[in-house]
């Protein structure tokens, strides 16, 4: 298990990293990636959307553009990260919560989205199943996950910190969660600092 796949360690890390997160994040997560994530959710104005692992609200911003601020519910484990998102989107609902134990009833949302969070989940399969559980029939579950860095030294360090699921592993998790019509795209990197990611979506039958 990577260092940050432990929930307590991840929470403590982001308590301090949140101070510079908004400055660092654009180097790794592009606007194009963010738009593609929400495109793949196939949401429309008025849809109720869950975001799992909202951080400071980078992806939240794009979801809000599509469905309206009052139709976004976001969950994150780290209060210091989420505080910035709360200040940006006063009409959205923000809850402190765990991706592997989502505090919602079955079939509560028109779509569920998670970008840049699954790499910290100790049990990713359970997290994907939870997202599928709370999504309505016909709705889509969308997840963005980082791929392993190409540089050998950087890759070894990164793998000691977090999870880097392969595209095939992501597909398997989606299938085991009962999702269908699974689609994915691999994007990036756009610069030395940016990363290669896989964005995958599945529809709940």
C-alpha atoms as a PDB file:
ATOM      1  CA  UNK A   1       0.000   0.000   0.000  1.00  0.00           C
ATOM      2  CA  UNK A   2       1.299   3.448  -0.914  1.00  0.00           C
ATOM      3  CA  UNK A   3       1.924   5.989   1.829  1.00  0.00           C
ATOM      4  CA  UNK A   4      -1.097   8.108   0.903  1.00  0.00           C
ATOM      5  CA  UNK A   5      -3.448   5.149   0.456  1.00  0.00           C
ATOM      6  CA  UNK A   6      -3.732   5.212   4.246  1.00  0.00           C
ATOM      7  CA  UNK A   7      -6.676   7.531   4.927  1.00  0.00           C
ATOM      8  CA  UNK A   8      -5.217   9.147   8.036  1.00  0.00           C
ATOM      9  CA  UNK A   9      -1.878   9.861   6.337  1.00  0.00           C
ATOM     10  CA  UNK A  10      -3.612  11.207   3.228  1.00  0.00           C
ATOM     11  CA  UNK A  11      -5.781  13.495   5.332  1.00  0.00           C
ATOM     12  CA  UNK A  12      -2.759  14.835   7.228  1.00  0.00           C
ATOM     13  CA  UNK A  13      -0.796  15.325   3.989  1.00  0.00           C
ATOM     14  CA  UNK A  14      -3.546  17.383   2.368  1.00  0.00           C
ATOM     15  CA  UNK A  15      -4.068  19.411   5.514  1.00  0.00           C
ATOM     16  CA  UNK A  16      -0.747  21.096   4.706  1.00  0.00           C
ATOM     17  CA  UNK A  17      -0.645  20.587   0.937  1.00  0.00           C
ATOM     18  CA  UNK A  18      -3.960  22.436   0.638  1.00  0.00           C
ATOM     19  CA  UNK A  19      -2.084  25.701   1.198  1.00  0.00           C
ATOM     20  CA  UNK A  20      -0.355  25.387  -2.205  1.00  0.00           C
ATOM     21  CA  UNK A  21      -2.670  22.926  -3.969  1.00  0.00           C
ATOM     22  CA  UNK A  22      -4.374  25.463  -6.245  1.00  0.00           C
ATOM     23  CA  UNK A  23      -0.997  26.678  -7.460  1.00  0.00           C
ATOM     24  CA  UNK A  24       0.410  23.197  -8.116  1.00  0.00           C
ATOM     25  CA  UNK A  25      -2.673  21.446  -9.506  1.00  0.00           C
ATOM     26  CA  UNK A  26      -2.755  23.134 -12.990  1.00  0.00           C
ATOM     27  CA  UNK A  27       0.674  21.663 -13.736  1.00  0.00           C
ATOM     28  CA  UNK A  28      -0.783  18.155 -13.467  1.00  0.00           C
ATOM     29  CA  UNK A  29      -4.492  18.420 -14.289  1.00  0.00           C
ATOM     30  CA  UNK A  30      -5.399  20.393 -17.410  1.00  0.00           C
ATOM     31  CA  UNK A  31      -8.609  22.194 -18.364  1.00  0.00           C
ATOM     32  CA  UNK A  32      -9.006  19.725 -21.228  1.00  0.00           C
ATOM     33  CA  UNK A  33      -8.896  16.786 -18.822  1.00  0.00           C
ATOM     34  CA  UNK A  34     -11.482  18.451 -16.591  1.00  0.00           C
ATOM     35  CA  UNK A  35     -13.848  19.120 -19.497  1.00  0.00           C
ATOM     36  CA  UNK A  36     -13.465  15.546 -20.765  1.00  0.00           C
ATOM     37  CA  UNK A  37     -14.319  14.143 -17.334  1.00  0.00           C
ATOM     38  CA  UNK A  38     -17.614  16.040 -17.216  1.00  0.00           C
ATOM     39  CA  UNK A  39     -18.345  15.404 -20.912  1.00  0.00           C
ATOM     40  CA  UNK A  40     -18.167  11.663 -20.249  1.00  0.00           C
ATOM     41  CA  UNK A  41     -20.740  11.971 -17.451  1.00  0.00           C
ATOM     42  CA  UNK A  42     -23.287  13.173 -20.045  1.00  0.00           C
ATOM     43  CA  UNK A  43     -24.979  15.522 -17.598  1.00  0.00           C
ATOM     44  CA  UNK A  44     -27.378  18.346 -18.399  1.00  0.00           C
ATOM     45  CA  UNK A  45     -28.744  21.408 -16.640  1.00  0.00           C
ATOM     46  CA  UNK A  46     -30.709  20.382 -13.579  1.00  0.00           C
ATOM     47  CA  UNK A  47     -29.128  16.933 -13.141  1.00  0.00           C
ATOM     48  CA  UNK A  48     -28.077  16.109  -9.586  1.00  0.00           C
ATOM     49  CA  UNK A  49     -24.382  15.211  -9.603  1.00  0.00           C
ATOM     50  CA  UNK A  50     -22.149  13.729  -6.910  1.00  0.00           C
ATOM     51  CA  UNK A  51     -18.437  14.522  -6.897  1.00  0.00           C
ATOM     52  CA  UNK A  52     -16.261  12.172  -4.860  1.00  0.00           C
ATOM     53  CA  UNK A  53     -12.975  13.685  -3.705  1.00  0.00           C
ATOM     54  CA  UNK A  54     -13.671  17.298  -4.659  1.00  0.00           C
ATOM     55  CA  UNK A  55     -10.484  18.765  -3.185  1.00  0.00           C
ATOM     56  CA  UNK A  56     -10.469  22.552  -3.564  1.00  0.00           C
ATOM     57  CA  UNK A  57     -13.094  22.490  -6.302  1.00  0.00           C
ATOM     58  CA  UNK A  58     -11.216  22.340  -9.623  1.00  0.00           C
ATOM     59  CA  UNK A  59     -13.523  19.741 -11.186  1.00  0.00           C
ATOM     60  CA  UNK A  60     -16.455  21.090  -9.198  1.00  0.00           C
ATOM     61  CA  UNK A  61     -16.185  24.291 -11.226  1.00  0.00           C
ATOM     62  CA  UNK A  62     -16.821  22.459 -14.504  1.00  0.00           C
ATOM     63  CA  UNK A  63     -19.686  20.423 -13.036  1.00  0.00           C
ATOM     64  CA  UNK A  64     -21.296  23.634 -11.770  1.00  0.00           C
ATOM     65  CA  UNK A  65     -21.085  25.115 -15.276  1.00  0.00           C
ATOM     66  CA  UNK A  66     -23.076  22.184 -16.667  1.00  0.00           C
ATOM     67  CA  UNK A  67     -25.758  21.499 -14.043  1.00  0.00           C
ATOM     68  CA  UNK A  68     -25.915  24.544 -11.769  1.00  0.00           C
ATOM     69  CA  UNK A  69     -24.367  25.111  -8.371  1.00  0.00           C
ATOM     70  CA  UNK A  70     -27.443  23.995  -6.418  1.00  0.00           C
ATOM     71  CA  UNK A  71     -27.354  20.587  -8.157  1.00  0.00           C
ATOM     72  CA  UNK A  72     -23.862  19.586  -6.995  1.00  0.00           C
ATOM     73  CA  UNK A  73     -23.116  17.474  -3.922  1.00  0.00           C
ATOM     74  CA  UNK A  74     -19.417  17.012  -3.160  1.00  0.00           C
ATOM     75  CA  UNK A  75     -17.561  14.791  -0.702  1.00  0.00           C
ATOM     76  CA  UNK A  76     -13.973  14.962   0.502  1.00  0.00           C
ATOM     77  CA  UNK A  77     -12.016  13.468   3.381  1.00  0.00           C
ATOM     78  CA  UNK A  78      -9.923  16.574   4.134  1.00  0.00           C
ATOM     79  CA  UNK A  79     -11.675  19.645   5.614  1.00  0.00           C
ATOM     80  CA  UNK A  80      -8.796  21.990   4.743  1.00  0.00           C
ATOM     81  CA  UNK A  81      -9.062  21.091   1.051  1.00  0.00           C
ATOM     82  CA  UNK A  82     -12.832  21.261   0.997  1.00  0.00           C
ATOM     83  CA  UNK A  83     -12.955  24.630   2.793  1.00  0.00           C
ATOM     84  CA  UNK A  84     -11.674  26.361  -0.339  1.00  0.00           C
ATOM     85  CA  UNK A  85     -14.352  24.713  -2.465  1.00  0.00           C
ATOM     86  CA  UNK A  86     -17.056  25.688   0.051  1.00  0.00           C
ATOM     87  CA  UNK A  87     -15.984  29.330  -0.206  1.00  0.00           C
ATOM     88  CA  UNK A  88     -16.123  29.207  -4.012  1.00  0.00           C
ATOM     89  CA  UNK A  89     -19.523  27.549  -4.382  1.00  0.00           C
ATOM     90  CA  UNK A  90     -21.886  28.656  -1.640  1.00  0.00           C
ATOM     91  CA  UNK A  91     -24.982  26.971  -3.102  1.00  0.00           C
ATOM     92  CA  UNK A  92     -23.404  23.530  -3.604  1.00  0.00           C
ATOM     93  CA  UNK A  93     -23.570  20.974  -0.802  1.00  0.00           C
ATOM     94  CA  UNK A  94     -20.257  19.820   0.682  1.00  0.00           C
ATOM     95  CA  UNK A  95     -19.870  16.918   3.073  1.00  0.00           C
ATOM     96  CA  UNK A  96     -16.876  15.380   4.749  1.00  0.00           C
ATOM     97  CA  UNK A  97     -16.982  11.757   3.749  1.00  0.00           C
ATOM     98  CA  UNK A  98     -15.235   8.592   2.672  1.00  0.00           C
ATOM     99  CA  UNK A  99     -15.378   7.376  -0.945  1.00  0.00           C
ATOM    100  CA  UNK A 100     -15.645   3.782   0.240  1.00  0.00           C
ATOM    101  CA  UNK A 101     -18.624   4.502   2.522  1.00  0.00           C
ATOM    102  CA  UNK A 102     -20.713   7.171   0.816  1.00  0.00           C
ATOM    103  CA  UNK A 103     -23.407   8.615   3.133  1.00  0.00           C
ATOM    104  CA  UNK A 104     -26.241   8.501   0.573  1.00  0.00           C
ATOM    105  CA  UNK A 105     -29.180   6.263  -0.282  1.00  0.00           C
ATOM    106  CA  UNK A 106     -29.157   4.021  -3.336  1.00  0.00           C
ATOM    107  CA  UNK A 107     -29.902   5.698  -6.673  1.00  0.00           C
ATOM    108  CA  UNK A 108     -29.636   9.269  -5.348  1.00  0.00           C
ATOM    109  CA  UNK A 109     -27.761  10.948  -8.215  1.00  0.00           C
ATOM    110  CA  UNK A 110     -28.029  11.318 -11.979  1.00  0.00           C
ATOM    111  CA  UNK A 111     -24.245  10.891 -12.278  1.00  0.00           C
ATOM    112  CA  UNK A 112     -21.189  10.375 -10.062  1.00  0.00           C
ATOM    113  CA  UNK A 113     -17.762  11.833 -10.843  1.00  0.00           C
ATOM    114  CA  UNK A 114     -14.345  11.422  -9.242  1.00  0.00           C
ATOM    115  CA  UNK A 115     -11.193  13.030 -10.633  1.00  0.00           C
ATOM    116  CA  UNK A 116      -7.799  12.489  -9.064  1.00  0.00           C
ATOM    117  CA  UNK A 117      -9.005  10.702  -5.948  1.00  0.00           C
ATOM    118  CA  UNK A 118      -9.056   6.947  -6.612  1.00  0.00           C
ATOM    119  CA  UNK A 119      -5.266   6.742  -6.333  1.00  0.00           C
ATOM    120  CA  UNK A 120      -5.660   7.358  -2.576  1.00  0.00           C
ATOM    121  CA  UNK A 121      -8.391   4.784  -1.907  1.00  0.00           C
ATOM    122  CA  UNK A 122      -7.217   1.707   0.060  1.00  0.00           C
ATOM    123  CA  UNK A 123     -10.003  -0.356  -1.553  1.00  0.00           C
ATOM    124  CA  UNK A 124     -10.719   1.105  -5.029  1.00  0.00           C
ATOM    125  CA  UNK A 125     -13.163  -1.660  -5.944  1.00  0.00           C
ATOM    126  CA  UNK A 126     -15.372  -0.738  -2.999  1.00  0.00           C
ATOM    127  CA  UNK A 127     -15.193   2.944  -3.928  1.00  0.00           C
ATOM    128  CA  UNK A 128     -16.313   2.240  -7.506  1.00  0.00           C
ATOM    129  CA  UNK A 129     -19.135   0.033  -6.197  1.00  0.00           C
ATOM    130  CA  UNK A 130     -20.260   2.812  -3.859  1.00  0.00           C
ATOM    131  CA  UNK A 131     -20.345   5.326  -6.700  1.00  0.00           C
ATOM    132  CA  UNK A 132     -22.401   2.886  -8.767  1.00  0.00           C
ATOM    133  CA  UNK A 133     -24.743   2.220  -5.842  1.00  0.00           C
ATOM    134  CA  UNK A 134     -25.683   5.876  -5.349  1.00  0.00           C
ATOM    135  CA  UNK A 135     -26.120   6.537  -9.085  1.00  0.00           C
ATOM    136  CA  UNK A 136     -29.556   6.209 -10.687  1.00  0.00           C
ATOM    137  CA  UNK A 137     -30.304   3.642 -13.370  1.00  0.00           C
ATOM    138  CA  UNK A 138     -29.116   4.997 -16.702  1.00  0.00           C
ATOM    139  CA  UNK A 139     -26.675   7.407 -15.048  1.00  0.00           C
ATOM    140  CA  UNK A 140     -22.939   7.317 -15.582  1.00  0.00           C
ATOM    141  CA  UNK A 141     -20.012   6.871 -13.202  1.00  0.00           C
ATOM    142  CA  UNK A 142     -16.846   8.689 -14.330  1.00  0.00           C
ATOM    143  CA  UNK A 143     -13.387   8.346 -12.783  1.00  0.00           C
ATOM    144  CA  UNK A 144     -10.070   9.963 -13.678  1.00  0.00           C
ATOM    145  CA  UNK A 145      -6.956   8.125 -12.506  1.00  0.00           C
ATOM    146  CA  UNK A 146      -3.259   8.868 -13.080  1.00  0.00           C
ATOM    147  CA  UNK A 147      -1.061   6.498 -15.040  1.00  0.00           C
ATOM    148  CA  UNK A 148       2.457   5.556 -13.995  1.00  0.00           C
ATOM    149  CA  UNK A 149       5.103   8.204 -14.819  1.00  0.00           C
ATOM    150  CA  UNK A 150       7.474   7.227 -17.644  1.00  0.00           C
ATOM    151  CA  UNK A 151      10.633   8.247 -15.800  1.00  0.00           C
ATOM    152  CA  UNK A 152      11.873   5.214 -13.823  1.00  0.00           C
ATOM    153  CA  UNK A 153      13.028   7.150 -10.752  1.00  0.00           C
ATOM    154  CA  UNK A 154       9.896   9.298 -10.640  1.00  0.00           C
ATOM    155  CA  UNK A 155       7.757   6.182 -11.110  1.00  0.00           C
ATOM    156  CA  UNK A 156       9.385   4.333  -8.182  1.00  0.00           C
ATOM    157  CA  UNK A 157       8.868   7.304  -5.907  1.00  0.00           C
ATOM    158  CA  UNK A 158       5.278   7.822  -7.066  1.00  0.00           C
ATOM    159  CA  UNK A 159       4.384   4.150  -6.607  1.00  0.00           C
ATOM    160  CA  UNK A 160       5.595   4.324  -3.001  1.00  0.00           C
ATOM    161  CA  UNK A 161       3.038   7.079  -2.361  1.00  0.00           C
ATOM    162  CA  UNK A 162      -0.128   6.143  -4.242  1.00  0.00           C
ATOM    163  CA  UNK A 163      -1.907   3.727  -6.552  1.00  0.00           C
ATOM    164  CA  UNK A 164      -1.578   3.804 -10.354  1.00  0.00           C
ATOM    165  CA  UNK A 165      -4.272   1.493 -11.755  1.00  0.00           C
ATOM    166  CA  UNK A 166      -3.961   0.347 -15.350  1.00  0.00           C
ATOM    167  CA  UNK A 167      -6.749   0.984 -17.827  1.00  0.00           C
ATOM    168  CA  UNK A 168      -7.504  -2.756 -17.793  1.00  0.00           C
ATOM    169  CA  UNK A 169      -7.800  -2.712 -13.997  1.00  0.00           C
ATOM    170  CA  UNK A 170     -10.165   0.254 -14.144  1.00  0.00           C
ATOM    171  CA  UNK A 171     -12.361  -1.555 -16.678  1.00  0.00           C
ATOM    172  CA  UNK A 172     -12.473  -4.619 -14.411  1.00  0.00           C
ATOM    173  CA  UNK A 173     -13.503  -2.563 -11.372  1.00  0.00           C
ATOM    174  CA  UNK A 174     -16.290  -0.967 -13.417  1.00  0.00           C
ATOM    175  CA  UNK A 175     -17.514  -4.349 -14.648  1.00  0.00           C
ATOM    176  CA  UNK A 176     -17.478  -5.834 -11.137  1.00  0.00           C
ATOM    177  CA  UNK A 177     -19.539  -2.855  -9.968  1.00  0.00           C
ATOM    178  CA  UNK A 178     -22.190  -3.864 -12.498  1.00  0.00           C
ATOM    179  CA  UNK A 179     -21.613  -0.982 -14.914  1.00  0.00           C
ATOM    180  CA  UNK A 180     -22.127  -1.315 -18.664  1.00  0.00           C
ATOM    181  CA  UNK A 181     -21.210   0.605 -21.832  1.00  0.00           C
ATOM    182  CA  UNK A 182     -17.723   1.187 -20.435  1.00  0.00           C
ATOM    183  CA  UNK A 183     -15.697   3.761 -22.331  1.00  0.00           C
ATOM    184  CA  UNK A 184     -12.302   5.317 -21.680  1.00  0.00           C
ATOM    185  CA  UNK A 185      -9.784   7.800 -23.036  1.00  0.00           C
ATOM    186  CA  UNK A 186      -6.126   8.241 -22.176  1.00  0.00           C
ATOM    187  CA  UNK A 187      -4.862  11.832 -22.164  1.00  0.00           C
ATOM    188  CA  UNK A 188      -1.637  13.799 -21.680  1.00  0.00           C
ATOM    189  CA  UNK A 189       1.026  14.491 -20.799  1.00  0.00           C
ATOM    190  CA  UNK A 190       1.122  18.047 -22.161  1.00  0.00           C
ATOM    191  CA  UNK A 191       4.405  19.132 -20.581  1.00  0.00           C
ATOM    192  CA  UNK A 192       7.267  17.836 -18.463  1.00  0.00           C
ATOM    193  CA  UNK A 193       5.176  18.437 -15.352  1.00  0.00           C
ATOM    194  CA  UNK A 194       1.805  17.180 -16.534  1.00  0.00           C
ATOM    195  CA  UNK A 195       0.735  13.569 -16.261  1.00  0.00           C
ATOM    196  CA  UNK A 196      -0.827  10.847 -18.358  1.00  0.00           C
ATOM    197  CA  UNK A 197      -4.305   9.957 -17.121  1.00  0.00           C
ATOM    198  CA  UNK A 198      -7.082   7.543 -17.961  1.00  0.00           C
ATOM    199  CA  UNK A 199     -10.678   8.794 -17.803  1.00  0.00           C
ATOM    200  CA  UNK A 200     -13.211   5.981 -17.713  1.00  0.00           C
ATOM    201  CA  UNK A 201     -16.997   5.933 -17.576  1.00  0.00           C
ATOM    202  CA  UNK A 202     -19.657   3.294 -17.194  1.00  0.00           C
ATOM    203  CA  UNK A 203     -23.461   3.367 -17.279  1.00  0.00           C
ATOM    204  CA  UNK A 204     -25.597   1.862 -14.529  1.00  0.00           C
ATOM    205  CA  UNK A 205     -28.117  -0.546 -16.051  1.00  0.00           C
END
